[in-house]
Every structure is written in structure tokens, then in C-alpha cells.
Amino acid sequence: MKKYLITLLIVLAVVFIQSKPKYEVGLLLPIEHTALEKISQGFIEILGKDRVDLQNGQGDPLIQQAILDTFIRQKYAVIATIGTDLTAMATQKTQTIPIVAIDVTDHIEHKKNITGSRESSVQPSYIFLKTLFPNAKKFAIVYSCSEKNFELFEQCKKLADQDSLTIQPIMVQSLADLYILANSIEDGVSAIFSSKDNLVASGAPILRQIAKEKRIPYISCDEGTVKNGSCAALGNQEEDIGRYTAEIALQILNGKKPSEIPMTPIQKQSIFLNPTHCQEQGLEISRVKEIAAEMGIAVKEIS
């Protein structure tokens, strides 16, 4: 009987090992919010869930580093990281395993083991914002304190200066102080704006509440934020970012070197519109659709 039980346990262990997915790609999200989840969905759609080990860094650098270390120990064929800061962290940990950077700025260099997709310029989103509010004199821009997001703020500020517009900067260090700081919006602000910023995106419901209370429209740069808080955004569809970058990972899995694959942004853009948020925050839906038609960009309504 004892011998039988031992044999049974060995058989079950072998079956478990054989049935366990043999991941080839480690995919790491920096934090949990809708836009990043949609990117990961598009990524897994192309590669298949049995090939991708999806992990969430919970916005904690220590957790993120531990996950990256695990990916490296597991000797995955590809490590995929969403966002500039997380990708920079990965590049410090390995110079041999291919890294597929997802939606990153020019801070990430195209190197021997690094390729992926670039983040689109903030300029089209700024132009969309300015066109929505042609008579505006002041905008509030909410951004987190990372170097990348500060530079995006500076780019917006430079564009606003050229148009003689005043910018109220609202820099947040954590979700805990987002409500307090964003609630200090000055008189004369025509709209609240945020670029692609993971911390701010995770706090989109907070900004939605503030925008509703003050009847000041909140405009963003990504689809997920429109679902969770903002009225409208001009940007890439998140699933498309994931699919596009998964195709790059697939090329590497099939033997192509990262250095042979250029890093470029996705060209296709949409205008995302949430009618409920527009009504709450005082933005005319017809105005958004009119501008979309003028710019020749398709509108995707989100509820």
C-alpha cells in the first residue's frame, strides 16, 4: 500500500509539472489600472496566455524588482515591461535577455537587447485640448513626480507658452495626496489635463469626482482614463499597443534580434469619448464629435 501511494504521488507530480505552462515571456505591469490591463490583454491575445507570465508590480519598486529578478531566474526568452520607468529598471538588471519595452519615451535607447514601441508625442493631445477650448486662458495639468512625467509636463508647458496660455501645475507624489492637490484648482481654469501617467491614471476616479464638483472637464491621453474619469482623449487604443508590441516579441521568439527591430510609435489614433462624464463635467458631446470630424479621426464612445 505504501509503495502504491509513493508511486501515485510521483505520477501526480509528473503530471503537474507537465501540465504547468512553460512560459516564454514575462510581462510586468507597473501598477493596476484599466489602460495597462487593456495593453496586457492585447499582448496576450497575440501570444496566448500559456506563453505569457503576467505579473503586477502594484506600484511598488521593491515588488517590481523582485518580479524582474524572478523572470531572470526563470530564464524567460523575453521580458516585456510597460512604461519607461519599469523598462529602465529592467535594463539595469539584464543586458542579455531581450527586453520588449511597451509604450516608452526616448529615455529608453534602442540597444542590443532592447526594442519595443515608443509612446506617441503629447503634441496631438495638446492640440486636441486647445481646439476643444478655443477661448481658454488657463489649464490645470496633473502629473506625477517621475522624471519622464515631469518632462511631458514641460513639453505641454512649452506649447502653452507659445499660445500665451497659463498653466497651473499640479504635481502629485501619491494617490493619497491627489484629491487634496487636485482640489486646489484655481479660478479661470477651463479644463484639467493629464498626459500618459500611470499614477494619475490610477487616480482617474478621483479626478472625475473633482471635475464633476467643479464642472471643469477633465481631458486625458488614453482610453482607460476616459473609461474611469475623463471626458475625452486623443490617443492610441490600448489593445492595439499590446498587439503591436506582442508582434515584436513574437519576432524575437522566432529568432530575430532586438537590434534588428526598430522602436517606433503606433501611428493609428482615435478620439475616445465618455458621454456620461461629459454630461457630469459640462462638456458638449457634439463639440467633441465636431472636432473629431475636422481632424479626420474616428470617435470611440466608452461607457
Protein backbone atom coordinates (compact mmCIF):
# COMPACT_ATOMS: atom_id res chain seq x y z
CA MET A 1 0.00 0.00 0.00
CA LYS A 2 2.79 2.39 0.94
CA LYS A 3 4.62 1.60 -2.30
CA TYR A 4 1.40 2.25 -4.24
CA LEU A 5 0.92 5.67 -2.60
CA ILE A 6 4.51 6.69 -3.35
CA THR A 7 4.09 5.68 -7.00
CA LEU A 8 0.81 7.61 -7.19
CA LEU A 9 2.42 10.75 -5.76
CA ILE A 10 5.28 10.53 -8.27
CA VAL A 11 2.81 10.15 -11.16
CA LEU A 12 0.76 13.12 -9.93
CA ALA A 13 3.90 15.25 -9.58
CA VAL A 14 4.97 14.43 -13.14
CA VAL A 15 1.50 15.26 -14.46
CA PHE A 16 1.53 18.56 -12.56
CA ILE A 17 4.93 19.53 -13.95
CA GLN A 18 3.92 18.61 -17.49
CA SER A 19 0.62 20.49 -17.25
CA LYS A 20 2.19 23.63 -15.83
CA PRO A 21 2.53 26.30 -18.56
CA LYS A 22 6.06 26.67 -19.87
CA TYR A 23 6.17 30.44 -20.02
CA GLU A 24 8.47 32.08 -22.55
CA VAL A 25 7.65 35.74 -21.85
CA GLY A 26 7.46 37.60 -18.56
CA LEU A 27 5.09 40.59 -18.83
CA LEU A 28 5.20 43.13 -16.00
CA LEU A 29 2.68 45.91 -15.34
CA PRO A 30 3.91 48.72 -13.07
CA ILE A 31 0.52 49.24 -11.37
CA GLU A 32 -3.11 48.24 -11.76
CA HIS A 33 -5.40 50.38 -13.87
CA THR A 34 -7.65 49.92 -16.90
CA ALA A 35 -5.28 51.20 -19.59
CA LEU A 36 -2.48 48.84 -18.57
CA GLU A 37 -4.88 45.91 -18.28
CA LYS A 38 -6.06 46.54 -21.84
CA ILE A 39 -2.46 46.68 -23.10
CA SER A 40 -1.76 43.34 -21.44
CA GLN A 41 -4.95 41.85 -22.91
CA GLY A 42 -3.87 42.84 -26.42
CA PHE A 43 -0.39 41.46 -25.78
CA ILE A 44 -1.68 38.10 -24.53
CA GLU A 45 -4.22 37.93 -27.36
CA ILE A 46 -1.35 37.64 -29.85
CA LEU A 47 0.99 35.36 -27.90
CA GLY A 48 -1.52 33.28 -25.93
CA LYS A 49 -1.90 33.08 -22.15
CA ASP A 50 0.07 29.84 -21.91
CA ARG A 51 3.21 31.62 -23.12
CA VAL A 52 2.98 34.78 -21.01
CA ASP A 53 3.61 35.08 -17.27
CA LEU A 54 1.63 38.24 -16.42
CA GLN A 55 2.59 39.99 -13.17
CA ASN A 56 1.52 43.25 -11.49
CA GLY A 57 4.14 45.39 -9.74
CA GLN A 58 1.48 47.08 -7.52
CA GLY A 59 3.19 50.47 -7.89
CA ASP A 60 5.94 49.30 -5.52
CA PRO A 61 9.56 49.40 -6.79
CA LEU A 62 10.59 46.59 -4.41
CA ILE A 63 7.85 44.30 -5.73
CA GLN A 64 8.69 45.26 -9.31
CA GLN A 65 12.37 44.44 -8.80
CA ALA A 66 11.53 41.10 -7.18
CA ILE A 67 9.33 40.14 -10.14
CA LEU A 68 12.02 41.09 -12.64
CA ASP A 69 14.55 39.01 -10.68
CA THR A 70 12.16 36.06 -10.89
CA PHE A 71 11.79 36.49 -14.66
CA ILE A 72 15.57 36.44 -14.98
CA ARG A 73 15.94 33.35 -12.77
CA GLN A 74 13.29 31.59 -14.83
CA LYS A 75 15.40 32.36 -17.92
CA TYR A 76 12.46 33.61 -19.95
CA ALA A 77 13.20 34.19 -23.63
CA VAL A 78 11.74 37.72 -23.45
CA ILE A 79 10.96 40.20 -20.68
CA ALA A 80 8.22 42.71 -21.57
CA THR A 81 7.78 45.85 -19.46
CA ILE A 82 5.08 48.51 -19.72
CA GLY A 83 6.23 52.10 -19.34
CA THR A 84 9.50 54.00 -19.23
CA ASP A 85 10.36 53.69 -15.53
CA LEU A 86 9.79 49.93 -15.37
CA THR A 87 11.76 49.36 -18.56
CA ALA A 88 14.67 51.43 -17.21
CA MET A 89 14.64 49.20 -14.13
CA ALA A 90 14.76 46.07 -16.31
CA THR A 91 17.70 47.40 -18.34
CA GLN A 92 19.71 47.70 -15.12
CA LYS A 93 19.10 44.05 -14.31
CA THR A 94 19.96 42.32 -17.59
CA GLN A 95 21.98 43.15 -20.68
CA THR A 96 21.48 39.72 -22.26
CA ILE A 97 17.80 38.75 -22.08
CA PRO A 98 15.78 40.55 -24.78
CA ILE A 99 13.62 43.32 -23.33
CA VAL A 100 10.48 44.40 -25.18
CA ALA A 101 9.62 47.90 -23.97
CA ILE A 102 5.95 48.83 -24.24
CA ASP A 103 4.88 52.45 -24.83
CA VAL A 104 8.08 54.16 -23.65
CA THR A 105 9.67 57.57 -24.23
CA ASP A 106 13.04 58.35 -25.80
CA HIS A 107 14.64 57.78 -22.38
CA ILE A 108 14.82 54.12 -23.41
CA GLU A 109 17.52 53.60 -26.03
CA HIS A 110 17.28 51.05 -28.80
CA LYS A 111 20.13 48.72 -27.86
CA LYS A 112 21.45 45.21 -28.49
CA ASN A 113 18.85 43.61 -26.21
CA ILE A 114 16.17 46.34 -26.18
CA THR A 115 13.38 47.16 -28.63
CA GLY A 116 9.63 47.77 -28.45
CA SER A 117 7.07 50.52 -29.03
CA ARG A 118 7.52 54.26 -28.46
CA GLU A 119 4.98 56.44 -26.71
CA SER A 120 3.21 58.83 -29.09
CA SER A 121 4.02 62.53 -28.84
CA VAL A 122 1.93 64.58 -26.41
CA GLN A 123 1.57 67.36 -29.02
CA PRO A 124 -1.51 65.95 -30.84
CA SER A 125 -3.31 65.56 -27.49
CA TYR A 126 -2.41 69.14 -26.55
CA ILE A 127 -3.73 70.39 -29.91
CA PHE A 128 -6.95 68.45 -29.28
CA LEU A 129 -7.25 70.09 -25.84
CA LYS A 130 -6.65 73.58 -27.20
CA THR A 131 -9.11 73.05 -30.05
CA LEU A 132 -11.79 71.87 -27.62
CA PHE A 133 -11.44 75.12 -25.65
CA PRO A 134 -10.50 77.84 -28.16
CA ASN A 135 -11.24 80.69 -25.74
CA ALA A 136 -9.37 79.19 -22.79
CA LYS A 137 -6.78 81.27 -20.92
CA LYS A 138 -5.71 78.68 -18.34
CA PHE A 139 -5.43 74.90 -18.00
CA ALA A 140 -4.53 72.75 -14.98
CA ILE A 141 -2.11 69.89 -15.72
CA VAL A 142 -1.90 66.99 -13.27
CA TYR A 143 1.26 64.87 -13.34
CA SER A 144 3.31 62.65 -11.04
CA CYS A 145 6.83 63.36 -9.89
CA SER A 146 8.84 60.94 -12.07
CA GLU A 147 11.39 62.41 -14.47
CA LYS A 148 9.50 61.15 -17.51
CA ASN A 149 6.20 62.73 -16.46
CA PHE A 150 7.87 65.99 -15.49
CA GLU A 151 9.36 66.18 -19.00
CA LEU A 152 5.93 65.57 -20.55
CA PHE A 153 4.60 68.41 -18.39
CA GLU A 154 7.45 70.63 -19.59
CA GLN A 155 6.59 69.81 -23.21
CA CYS A 156 2.96 70.81 -22.61
CA LYS A 157 4.07 73.96 -20.78
CA LYS A 158 6.28 74.97 -23.70
CA LEU A 159 3.41 74.50 -26.16
CA ALA A 160 1.09 76.52 -23.90
CA ASP A 161 3.65 79.33 -23.59
CA GLN A 162 3.77 79.58 -27.38
CA ASP A 163 -0.02 80.06 -27.34
CA SER A 164 0.13 82.57 -24.44
CA LEU A 165 -1.81 80.20 -22.18
CA THR A 166 -1.35 79.94 -18.41
CA ILE A 167 -0.71 76.53 -16.86
CA GLN A 168 -1.45 75.61 -13.26
CA PRO A 169 0.90 72.71 -12.45
CA ILE A 170 -0.43 70.07 -10.04
CA MET A 171 2.33 67.58 -9.21
CA VAL A 172 1.33 64.57 -7.10
CA GLN A 173 3.62 62.10 -5.38
CA SER A 174 0.99 59.51 -4.44
CA LEU A 175 -2.70 58.76 -4.73
CA ALA A 176 -3.08 59.84 -1.12
CA ASP A 177 -2.43 63.50 -1.96
CA LEU A 178 -4.15 63.53 -5.37
CA TYR A 179 -7.54 64.64 -4.04
CA ILE A 180 -6.13 67.40 -1.85
CA LEU A 181 -3.83 68.84 -4.53
CA ALA A 182 -6.23 68.50 -7.44
CA ASN A 183 -8.94 70.14 -5.35
CA SER A 184 -6.86 73.32 -5.30
CA ILE A 185 -7.66 74.16 -8.92
CA GLU A 186 -7.55 77.91 -9.44
CA ASP A 187 -10.28 80.19 -10.76
CA GLY A 188 -10.31 80.61 -14.53
CA VAL A 189 -9.15 77.07 -15.35
CA SER A 190 -11.05 75.84 -18.41
CA ALA A 191 -10.03 72.18 -18.22
CA ILE A 192 -7.96 69.64 -16.27
CA PHE A 193 -5.42 67.77 -18.42
CA SER A 194 -3.15 64.77 -17.87
CA SER A 195 -0.75 63.04 -20.24
CA LYS A 196 0.06 59.31 -20.14
CA ASP A 197 0.92 58.91 -16.48
CA ASN A 198 0.36 55.62 -14.65
CA LEU A 199 -0.05 57.13 -11.19
CA VAL A 200 -2.51 59.79 -12.36
CA ALA A 201 -4.39 57.24 -14.50
CA SER A 202 -4.86 55.00 -11.46
CA GLY A 203 -6.44 58.02 -9.72
CA ALA A 204 -8.78 58.89 -12.60
CA PRO A 205 -11.95 58.27 -10.50
CA ILE A 206 -10.70 60.89 -8.02
CA LEU A 207 -10.19 63.43 -10.79
CA ARG A 208 -13.61 62.57 -12.19
CA GLN A 209 -15.22 63.48 -8.86
CA ILE A 210 -13.32 66.77 -8.66
CA ALA A 211 -14.18 67.63 -12.27
CA LYS A 212 -17.84 66.85 -11.59
CA GLU A 213 -17.94 69.00 -8.45
CA LYS A 214 -16.25 71.95 -10.15
CA ARG A 215 -17.90 71.45 -13.57
CA ILE A 216 -14.47 71.60 -15.20
CA PRO A 217 -13.92 68.99 -17.97
CA TYR A 218 -11.09 66.51 -17.44
CA ILE A 219 -9.24 65.64 -20.68
CA SER A 220 -6.60 62.89 -20.90
CA CYS A 221 -4.45 61.00 -23.41
CA ASP A 222 -5.57 57.38 -23.15
CA GLU A 223 -8.62 55.17 -23.49
CA GLY A 224 -8.52 53.68 -19.98
CA THR A 225 -8.63 57.08 -18.28
CA VAL A 226 -11.71 58.02 -20.32
CA LYS A 227 -13.44 54.91 -19.03
CA ASN A 228 -12.59 55.74 -15.42
CA GLY A 229 -12.70 59.51 -15.18
CA SER A 230 -12.03 61.87 -18.07
CA CYS A 231 -14.47 63.17 -20.68
CA ALA A 232 -12.36 62.58 -23.75
CA ALA A 233 -8.87 61.83 -25.00
CA LEU A 234 -6.89 61.64 -28.20
CA GLY A 235 -4.56 58.65 -28.21
CA ASN A 236 -3.88 55.07 -29.18
CA GLN A 237 -6.27 52.24 -28.48
CA GLU A 238 -4.65 50.33 -25.62
CA GLU A 239 -5.24 46.84 -27.04
CA ASP A 240 -3.52 47.96 -30.25
CA ILE A 241 -0.41 48.94 -28.26
CA GLY A 242 -0.36 45.47 -26.70
CA ARG A 243 -0.91 43.70 -30.02
CA TYR A 244 1.71 45.77 -31.82
CA THR A 245 4.34 45.08 -29.17
CA ALA A 246 3.41 41.39 -28.90
CA GLU A 247 4.18 41.05 -32.61
CA ILE A 248 7.67 42.38 -31.82
CA ALA A 249 8.07 39.81 -29.04
CA LEU A 250 6.92 37.12 -31.46
CA GLN A 251 9.62 38.10 -33.94
CA ILE A 252 12.23 37.70 -31.19
CA LEU A 253 10.83 34.31 -30.16
CA ASN A 254 11.15 33.28 -33.80
CA GLY A 255 14.84 34.16 -33.84
CA LYS A 256 15.09 37.84 -34.75
CA LYS A 257 17.44 40.04 -32.71
CA PRO A 258 16.05 43.09 -30.84
CA SER A 259 18.66 45.29 -32.54
CA GLU A 260 17.12 44.36 -35.90
CA ILE A 261 13.64 45.60 -34.92
CA PRO A 262 13.13 49.42 -34.88
CA MET A 263 11.41 51.19 -32.00
CA THR A 264 8.53 53.28 -33.33
CA PRO A 265 5.22 54.65 -32.01
CA ILE A 266 1.86 53.37 -33.22
CA GLN A 267 0.52 55.75 -35.84
CA LYS A 268 -3.20 54.98 -35.59
CA GLN A 269 -5.02 57.27 -33.16
CA SER A 270 -8.62 57.63 -32.01
CA ILE A 271 -10.66 60.11 -30.02
CA PHE A 272 -12.21 58.41 -27.00
CA LEU A 273 -15.42 59.88 -25.60
CA ASN A 274 -17.40 59.11 -22.46
CA PRO A 275 -20.88 60.70 -22.75
CA THR A 276 -21.65 60.20 -19.04
CA HIS A 277 -18.50 62.03 -17.95
CA CYS A 278 -19.12 64.80 -20.49
CA GLN A 279 -22.58 65.44 -19.02
CA GLU A 280 -21.22 65.40 -15.46
CA GLN A 281 -18.35 67.76 -16.21
CA GLY A 282 -20.08 70.17 -18.58
CA LEU A 283 -18.51 69.29 -21.95
CA GLU A 284 -20.74 69.23 -25.02
CA ILE A 285 -20.62 65.83 -26.73
CA SER A 286 -21.44 67.41 -30.08
CA ARG A 287 -18.38 69.64 -29.74
CA VAL A 288 -16.06 66.64 -29.35
CA LYS A 289 -17.57 64.90 -32.37
CA GLU A 290 -17.36 68.07 -34.45
CA ILE A 291 -13.63 68.45 -33.70
CA ALA A 292 -13.04 64.77 -34.41
CA ALA A 293 -14.62 65.23 -37.83
CA GLU A 294 -12.46 68.30 -38.51
CA MET A 295 -9.32 66.35 -37.55
CA GLY A 296 -10.39 63.31 -39.57
CA ILE A 297 -10.10 61.00 -36.54
CA ALA A 298 -12.58 58.27 -35.61
CA VAL A 299 -14.54 58.56 -32.36
CA LYS A 300 -14.92 55.61 -29.99
CA GLU A 301 -17.60 56.04 -27.34
CA ILE A 302 -16.88 54.45 -23.97
CA SER A 303 -19.32 53.78 -21.17
